[in-house]
Amino acid sequence: MIVIVNYRMGNLRSVAKAFEVMGAEVLVSDKIRDLRQARAIVLPGVGAFGQGMKHLRELGIIPVLKEEINKGKPFLGICLGLQLLFTYSEEHGIHRGLNIIAGKVKSFPKRLKVPHMGWNQVKIQNSKFKIRNLIFAGIPDNSYFYFLHSYYVVPEDKRIILATTDYGVKFASLIQKDNIFGVQFHPEKSQELGLKILKNFLVLSSKYNYVGEKNYTLSGC
């Protein structure tokens, strides 16, 4: 079962529907027991960073999210869900994030029109990752995906950046750290190739054994 984290931050149902189209059993939930029982966890979201963190704190699910990620459970962050993984964001002041990935979330330069909205290319940067062959399997380099955001992530460890996109500045649009995946674009709005990303995550989740299971792990590099 794939659990979509219900933290009141937009587009949850559209992400769930996209996974259902790919044949997944999906539950939209904010319950600790569901997060623990999930085969994989997805954190989507559209909205402000500070508000997203506020909702996660109020729901009391931050400790279990970190616990399940630390166990090695497959995790996918989409758009705001990717950004919340980072140490802090500069969106409307400084807001602390989950600090699961070291780095910050910063705004595009003022000279650029924001939000960055519409179709743009995703270019593979790090072909050394074994996992790249799974999450990007069957997807040509420089393919177009749909974006809608005004801020972007800056990881301290550049090795986790699998792909970048250029919008006046080059920014990370696909990251992977061990069992954690994050995309700045919206796969649920990116038609066939976006659904392929979600399908690849499902395939990966079925193969990725975490703590307490045996015989198979995937390494980041």
C-alpha atoms as a PDB file:
ATOM      1  CA  MET A   1       0.000   0.000   0.000  1.00  0.00           C
ATOM      2  CA  ILE A   2       1.180   3.501  -0.892  1.00  0.00           C
ATOM      3  CA  VAL A   3       0.255   6.120   1.708  1.00  0.00           C
ATOM      4  CA  ILE A   4      -0.160   9.718   0.544  1.00  0.00           C
ATOM      5  CA  VAL A   5       0.433  11.936   3.573  1.00  0.00           C
ATOM      6  CA  ASN A   6      -2.676  14.015   4.230  1.00  0.00           C
ATOM      7  CA  TYR A   7      -1.360  17.245   5.724  1.00  0.00           C
ATOM      8  CA  ARG A   8      -3.925  19.599   4.158  1.00  0.00           C
ATOM      9  CA  MET A   9      -1.600  21.003   1.484  1.00  0.00           C
ATOM     10  CA  GLY A  10      -3.330  20.686  -1.882  1.00  0.00           C
ATOM     11  CA  ASN A  11      -3.214  18.234  -4.815  1.00  0.00           C
ATOM     12  CA  LEU A  12      -3.325  15.145  -2.566  1.00  0.00           C
ATOM     13  CA  ARG A  13      -6.218  13.561  -4.408  1.00  0.00           C
ATOM     14  CA  SER A  14      -4.720  14.180  -7.867  1.00  0.00           C
ATOM     15  CA  VAL A  15      -1.501  12.439  -6.799  1.00  0.00           C
ATOM     16  CA  ALA A  16      -3.458   9.547  -5.315  1.00  0.00           C
ATOM     17  CA  LYS A  17      -5.513   9.245  -8.507  1.00  0.00           C
ATOM     18  CA  ALA A  18      -2.369   9.135 -10.634  1.00  0.00           C
ATOM     19  CA  PHE A  19      -0.990   6.258  -8.550  1.00  0.00           C
ATOM     20  CA  GLU A  20      -4.322   4.460  -8.799  1.00  0.00           C
ATOM     21  CA  VAL A  21      -4.171   4.750 -12.581  1.00  0.00           C
ATOM     22  CA  MET A  22      -0.807   2.972 -12.341  1.00  0.00           C
ATOM     23  CA  GLY A  23      -2.462   0.114 -10.461  1.00  0.00           C
ATOM     24  CA  ALA A  24      -1.395   0.964  -6.916  1.00  0.00           C
ATOM     25  CA  GLU A  25      -3.378   0.430  -3.744  1.00  0.00           C
ATOM     26  CA  VAL A  26      -3.446   3.949  -2.317  1.00  0.00           C
ATOM     27  CA  LEU A  27      -4.524   5.467   0.977  1.00  0.00           C
ATOM     28  CA  VAL A  28      -4.612   9.199   1.745  1.00  0.00           C
ATOM     29  CA  SER A  29      -4.028   9.385   5.489  1.00  0.00           C
ATOM     30  CA  ASP A  30      -2.522  11.293   8.409  1.00  0.00           C
ATOM     31  CA  LYS A  31      -2.683   8.292  10.772  1.00  0.00           C
ATOM     32  CA  ILE A  32       0.515   7.004  12.379  1.00  0.00           C
ATOM     33  CA  ARG A  33      -0.565   3.372  12.049  1.00  0.00           C
ATOM     34  CA  ASP A  34      -1.076   3.799   8.291  1.00  0.00           C
ATOM     35  CA  LEU A  35       2.362   5.376   7.847  1.00  0.00           C
ATOM     36  CA  ARG A  36       3.925   2.469   9.731  1.00  0.00           C
ATOM     37  CA  GLN A  37       2.072  -0.126   7.654  1.00  0.00           C
ATOM     38  CA  ALA A  38       2.716   1.545   4.295  1.00  0.00           C
ATOM     39  CA  ARG A  39       4.956  -0.097   1.738  1.00  0.00           C
ATOM     40  CA  ALA A  40       6.023   3.401   0.634  1.00  0.00           C
ATOM     41  CA  ILE A  41       5.201   6.986   1.619  1.00  0.00           C
ATOM     42  CA  VAL A  42       4.518   9.949  -0.671  1.00  0.00           C
ATOM     43  CA  LEU A  43       4.549  13.568   0.510  1.00  0.00           C
ATOM     44  CA  PRO A  44       3.090  15.835  -2.200  1.00  0.00           C
ATOM     45  CA  GLY A  45       1.929  19.391  -1.724  1.00  0.00           C
ATOM     46  CA  VAL A  46       1.235  22.817  -3.149  1.00  0.00           C
ATOM     47  CA  GLY A  47       1.523  25.884  -0.945  1.00  0.00           C
ATOM     48  CA  ALA A  48       3.775  27.701   1.494  1.00  0.00           C
ATOM     49  CA  PHE A  49       6.664  25.989   3.264  1.00  0.00           C
ATOM     50  CA  GLY A  50       5.893  27.461   6.699  1.00  0.00           C
ATOM     51  CA  GLN A  51       2.257  26.399   6.522  1.00  0.00           C
ATOM     52  CA  GLY A  52       3.238  22.896   5.452  1.00  0.00           C
ATOM     53  CA  MET A  53       5.555  22.470   8.434  1.00  0.00           C
ATOM     54  CA  LYS A  54       2.880  23.888  10.758  1.00  0.00           C
ATOM     55  CA  HIS A  55       0.393  21.265   9.604  1.00  0.00           C
ATOM     56  CA  LEU A  56       2.884  18.428   9.979  1.00  0.00           C
ATOM     57  CA  ARG A  57       3.692  19.541  13.530  1.00  0.00           C
ATOM     58  CA  GLU A  58       0.023  19.869  14.470  1.00  0.00           C
ATOM     59  CA  LEU A  59      -0.676  16.370  13.178  1.00  0.00           C
ATOM     60  CA  GLY A  60       2.168  14.988  15.282  1.00  0.00           C
ATOM     61  CA  ILE A  61       3.505  12.815  12.468  1.00  0.00           C
ATOM     62  CA  ILE A  62       7.000  14.263  12.023  1.00  0.00           C
ATOM     63  CA  PRO A  63       8.665  11.686  14.341  1.00  0.00           C
ATOM     64  CA  VAL A  64       7.057   8.730  12.567  1.00  0.00           C
ATOM     65  CA  LEU A  65       7.925  10.123   9.126  1.00  0.00           C
ATOM     66  CA  LYS A  66      11.579  10.350  10.157  1.00  0.00           C
ATOM     67  CA  GLU A  67      11.465   6.933  11.768  1.00  0.00           C
ATOM     68  CA  GLU A  68      10.043   5.221   8.686  1.00  0.00           C
ATOM     69  CA  ILE A  69      12.508   6.992   6.387  1.00  0.00           C
ATOM     70  CA  ASN A  70      15.387   5.969   8.649  1.00  0.00           C
ATOM     71  CA  LYS A  71      14.206   2.361   8.427  1.00  0.00           C
ATOM     72  CA  GLY A  72      14.759   2.598   4.688  1.00  0.00           C
ATOM     73  CA  LYS A  73      11.132   2.776   3.596  1.00  0.00           C
ATOM     74  CA  PRO A  74      10.804   4.214   0.057  1.00  0.00           C
ATOM     75  CA  PHE A  75       9.774   7.858   0.225  1.00  0.00           C
ATOM     76  CA  LEU A  76       8.824  10.273  -2.554  1.00  0.00           C
ATOM     77  CA  GLY A  77       8.543  14.035  -2.049  1.00  0.00           C
ATOM     78  CA  ILE A  78       6.758  16.022  -4.760  1.00  0.00           C
ATOM     79  CA  CYS A  79       7.183  19.813  -5.147  1.00  0.00           C
ATOM     80  CA  LEU A  80       6.549  21.228  -1.643  1.00  0.00           C
ATOM     81  CA  GLY A  81       6.951  17.669  -0.346  1.00  0.00           C
ATOM     82  CA  LEU A  82      10.516  17.710  -1.672  1.00  0.00           C
ATOM     83  CA  GLN A  83      11.268  21.126  -0.189  1.00  0.00           C
ATOM     84  CA  LEU A  84      10.041  20.178   3.300  1.00  0.00           C
ATOM     85  CA  LEU A  85      12.758  17.533   3.518  1.00  0.00           C
ATOM     86  CA  PHE A  86      15.421  20.233   3.722  1.00  0.00           C
ATOM     87  CA  THR A  87      16.955  22.050   6.698  1.00  0.00           C
ATOM     88  CA  TYR A  88      15.244  25.389   6.172  1.00  0.00           C
ATOM     89  CA  SER A  89      13.456  27.599   3.671  1.00  0.00           C
ATOM     90  CA  GLU A  90      13.775  31.307   2.893  1.00  0.00           C
ATOM     91  CA  GLU A  91      10.109  31.512   1.860  1.00  0.00           C
ATOM     92  CA  HIS A  92       8.497  34.467   3.705  1.00  0.00           C
ATOM     93  CA  GLY A  93      11.238  34.501   6.326  1.00  0.00           C
ATOM     94  CA  ILE A  94      13.298  31.617   7.661  1.00  0.00           C
ATOM     95  CA  HIS A  95      11.368  28.431   8.433  1.00  0.00           C
ATOM     96  CA  ARG A  96      12.866  25.209   9.744  1.00  0.00           C
ATOM     97  CA  GLY A  97      12.163  22.092   7.718  1.00  0.00           C
ATOM     98  CA  LEU A  98      12.345  18.392   8.480  1.00  0.00           C
ATOM     99  CA  ASN A  99      16.149  18.501   8.128  1.00  0.00           C
ATOM    100  CA  ILE A 100      16.216  15.015   6.635  1.00  0.00           C
ATOM    101  CA  ILE A 101      18.374  16.377   3.809  1.00  0.00           C
ATOM    102  CA  ALA A 102      20.958  19.055   4.596  1.00  0.00           C
ATOM    103  CA  GLY A 103      20.426  22.186   2.543  1.00  0.00           C
ATOM    104  CA  LYS A 104      18.096  25.090   1.980  1.00  0.00           C
ATOM    105  CA  VAL A 105      15.141  26.209  -0.107  1.00  0.00           C
ATOM    106  CA  LYS A 106      15.651  29.551  -1.827  1.00  0.00           C
ATOM    107  CA  SER A 107      13.765  31.845  -4.171  1.00  0.00           C
ATOM    108  CA  PHE A 108      14.443  32.432  -7.829  1.00  0.00           C
ATOM    109  CA  PRO A 109      16.248  35.702  -8.609  1.00  0.00           C
ATOM    110  CA  LYS A 110      13.940  38.730  -8.758  1.00  0.00           C
ATOM    111  CA  ARG A 111      14.766  39.225 -12.447  1.00  0.00           C
ATOM    112  CA  LEU A 112      12.809  36.041 -13.259  1.00  0.00           C
ATOM    113  CA  LYS A 113       9.064  35.728 -13.563  1.00  0.00           C
ATOM    114  CA  VAL A 114       7.647  33.607 -10.761  1.00  0.00           C
ATOM    115  CA  PRO A 115       6.182  31.190 -10.293  1.00  0.00           C
ATOM    116  CA  HIS A 116       8.100  29.009 -12.693  1.00  0.00           C
ATOM    117  CA  MET A 117       5.057  27.492 -14.333  1.00  0.00           C
ATOM    118  CA  GLY A 118       4.667  25.169 -17.272  1.00  0.00           C
ATOM    119  CA  TRP A 119       6.708  22.603 -19.145  1.00  0.00           C
ATOM    120  CA  ASN A 120      10.483  22.464 -18.849  1.00  0.00           C
ATOM    121  CA  GLN A 121      13.268  19.972 -19.458  1.00  0.00           C
ATOM    122  CA  VAL A 122      14.807  17.646 -16.911  1.00  0.00           C
ATOM    123  CA  LYS A 123      18.437  16.831 -17.649  1.00  0.00           C
ATOM    124  CA  ILE A 124      20.228  13.906 -16.000  1.00  0.00           C
ATOM    125  CA  GLN A 125      23.358  15.018 -14.138  1.00  0.00           C
ATOM    126  CA  ASN A 126      24.479  11.981 -12.183  1.00  0.00           C
ATOM    127  CA  SER A 127      24.521   8.739 -14.130  1.00  0.00           C
ATOM    128  CA  LYS A 128      26.553   6.971 -11.426  1.00  0.00           C
ATOM    129  CA  PHE A 129      23.452   6.335  -9.343  1.00  0.00           C
ATOM    130  CA  LYS A 130      22.217   2.771  -9.709  1.00  0.00           C
ATOM    131  CA  ILE A 131      18.785   3.989  -8.690  1.00  0.00           C
ATOM    132  CA  ARG A 132      18.626   6.316 -11.688  1.00  0.00           C
ATOM    133  CA  ASN A 133      17.980   3.290 -13.858  1.00  0.00           C
ATOM    134  CA  LEU A 134      14.841   2.633 -11.858  1.00  0.00           C
ATOM    135  CA  ILE A 135      13.302   6.042 -11.152  1.00  0.00           C
ATOM    136  CA  PHE A 136      14.089   7.326 -14.668  1.00  0.00           C
ATOM    137  CA  ALA A 137      13.799   4.006 -16.491  1.00  0.00           C
ATOM    138  CA  GLY A 138      12.309   4.359 -19.955  1.00  0.00           C
ATOM    139  CA  ILE A 139      12.421   8.159 -19.872  1.00  0.00           C
ATOM    140  CA  PRO A 140      14.696   9.968 -22.345  1.00  0.00           C
ATOM    141  CA  ASP A 141      17.135  12.540 -21.025  1.00  0.00           C
ATOM    142  CA  ASN A 142      15.955  16.144 -21.490  1.00  0.00           C
ATOM    143  CA  SER A 143      12.299  15.125 -21.338  1.00  0.00           C
ATOM    144  CA  TYR A 144       9.699  17.751 -20.435  1.00  0.00           C
ATOM    145  CA  PHE A 145       7.772  17.775 -17.155  1.00  0.00           C
ATOM    146  CA  TYR A 146       5.283  20.201 -15.638  1.00  0.00           C
ATOM    147  CA  PHE A 147       6.489  22.685 -13.007  1.00  0.00           C
ATOM    148  CA  LEU A 148       4.715  25.105 -10.683  1.00  0.00           C
ATOM    149  CA  HIS A 149       6.947  26.680  -7.998  1.00  0.00           C
ATOM    150  CA  SER A 150       8.641  29.875  -6.862  1.00  0.00           C
ATOM    151  CA  TYR A 151      11.379  28.287  -4.738  1.00  0.00           C
ATOM    152  CA  TYR A 152      13.899  25.525  -5.339  1.00  0.00           C
ATOM    153  CA  VAL A 153      16.123  23.261  -3.259  1.00  0.00           C
ATOM    154  CA  VAL A 154      19.888  23.641  -2.813  1.00  0.00           C
ATOM    155  CA  PRO A 155      21.347  20.446  -1.299  1.00  0.00           C
ATOM    156  CA  GLU A 156      24.657  20.704   0.537  1.00  0.00           C
ATOM    157  CA  ASP A 157      25.694  17.380  -0.959  1.00  0.00           C
ATOM    158  CA  LYS A 158      25.613  17.888  -4.728  1.00  0.00           C
ATOM    159  CA  ARG A 159      26.030  14.159  -5.276  1.00  0.00           C
ATOM    160  CA  ILE A 160      22.362  13.583  -4.473  1.00  0.00           C
ATOM    161  CA  ILE A 161      21.272  15.671  -7.480  1.00  0.00           C
ATOM    162  CA  LEU A 162      20.224  13.263 -10.220  1.00  0.00           C
ATOM    163  CA  ALA A 163      18.814  15.852 -12.623  1.00  0.00           C
ATOM    164  CA  THR A 164      18.564  19.598 -13.102  1.00  0.00           C
ATOM    165  CA  THR A 165      16.349  22.087 -14.897  1.00  0.00           C
ATOM    166  CA  ASP A 166      17.242  25.531 -16.234  1.00  0.00           C
ATOM    167  CA  TYR A 167      15.007  28.505 -15.495  1.00  0.00           C
ATOM    168  CA  GLY A 168      17.411  31.413 -15.560  1.00  0.00           C
ATOM    169  CA  VAL A 169      19.374  29.440 -12.979  1.00  0.00           C
ATOM    170  CA  LYS A 170      20.131  25.735 -12.980  1.00  0.00           C
ATOM    171  CA  PHE A 171      18.353  24.032 -10.088  1.00  0.00           C
ATOM    172  CA  ALA A 172      17.910  20.487  -8.791  1.00  0.00           C
ATOM    173  CA  SER A 173      14.703  18.989 -10.165  1.00  0.00           C
ATOM    174  CA  LEU A 174      15.306  15.345  -9.195  1.00  0.00           C
ATOM    175  CA  ILE A 175      17.205  14.175  -6.127  1.00  0.00           C
ATOM    176  CA  GLN A 176      17.878  10.826  -4.508  1.00  0.00           C
ATOM    177  CA  LYS A 177      19.477   9.997  -1.196  1.00  0.00           C
ATOM    178  CA  ASP A 178      19.350   6.283  -0.402  1.00  0.00           C
ATOM    179  CA  ASN A 179      15.622   5.457  -0.118  1.00  0.00           C
ATOM    180  CA  ILE A 180      14.525   9.103  -0.440  1.00  0.00           C
ATOM    181  CA  PHE A 181      13.423  10.484  -3.810  1.00  0.00           C
ATOM    182  CA  GLY A 182      12.303  14.010  -4.565  1.00  0.00           C
ATOM    183  CA  VAL A 183      11.007  15.764  -7.665  1.00  0.00           C
ATOM    184  CA  GLN A 184      10.403  19.490  -8.039  1.00  0.00           C
ATOM    185  CA  PHE A 185       8.059  18.955 -10.983  1.00  0.00           C
ATOM    186  CA  HIS A 186       4.565  17.488 -10.772  1.00  0.00           C
ATOM    187  CA  PRO A 187       4.528  13.961 -12.211  1.00  0.00           C
ATOM    188  CA  GLU A 188       0.759  13.761 -11.708  1.00  0.00           C
ATOM    189  CA  LYS A 189       0.405  16.693 -14.159  1.00  0.00           C
ATOM    190  CA  SER A 190       3.109  15.576 -16.583  1.00  0.00           C
ATOM    191  CA  GLN A 191       1.062  13.202 -18.711  1.00  0.00           C
ATOM    192  CA  GLU A 192       2.609   9.928 -19.877  1.00  0.00           C
ATOM    193  CA  LEU A 193       6.177  10.507 -18.680  1.00  0.00           C
ATOM    194  CA  GLY A 194       4.997  11.753 -15.303  1.00  0.00           C
ATOM    195  CA  LEU A 195       2.948   8.607 -14.821  1.00  0.00           C
ATOM    196  CA  LYS A 196       6.021   6.623 -15.839  1.00  0.00           C
ATOM    197  CA  ILE A 197       7.956   8.215 -12.960  1.00  0.00           C
ATOM    198  CA  LEU A 198       5.225   7.115 -10.555  1.00  0.00           C
ATOM    199  CA  LYS A 199       5.163   3.631 -12.084  1.00  0.00           C
ATOM    200  CA  ASN A 200       8.929   3.378 -11.651  1.00  0.00           C
ATOM    201  CA  PHE A 201       8.554   4.376  -8.002  1.00  0.00           C
ATOM    202  CA  LEU A 202       5.973   1.629  -7.551  1.00  0.00           C
ATOM    203  CA  VAL A 203       8.287  -0.934  -9.119  1.00  0.00           C
ATOM    204  CA  LEU A 204      11.148   0.282  -6.968  1.00  0.00           C
ATOM    205  CA  SER A 205       8.968   0.106  -3.845  1.00  0.00           C
ATOM    206  CA  SER A 206       8.110  -3.509  -4.531  1.00  0.00           C
ATOM    207  CA  LYS A 207      11.819  -4.380  -4.682  1.00  0.00           C
ATOM    208  CA  TYR A 208      13.178  -2.165  -1.915  1.00  0.00           C
ATOM    209  CA  ASN A 209      13.475  -4.056   1.369  1.00  0.00           C
ATOM    210  CA  TYR A 210      13.945  -1.968   4.465  1.00  0.00           C
ATOM    211  CA  VAL A 211      14.946  -2.767   8.064  1.00  0.00           C
ATOM    212  CA  GLY A 212      13.324  -5.976   9.235  1.00  0.00           C
ATOM    213  CA  GLU A 213      13.167  -7.499   5.767  1.00  0.00           C
ATOM    214  CA  LYS A 214      15.914  -9.447   4.070  1.00  0.00           C
ATOM    215  CA  ASN A 215      18.082 -10.155   1.096  1.00  0.00           C
ATOM    216  CA  TYR A 216      17.751  -6.946  -0.906  1.00  0.00           C
ATOM    217  CA  THR A 217      18.785  -3.339  -0.533  1.00  0.00           C
ATOM    218  CA  LEU A 218      19.467  -0.586  -3.018  1.00  0.00           C
ATOM    219  CA  SER A 219      22.416   1.733  -2.583  1.00  0.00           C
ATOM    220  CA  GLY A 220      22.477   5.358  -3.636  1.00  0.00           C
ATOM    221  CA  CYS A 221      25.730   5.029  -5.548  1.00  0.00           C
END
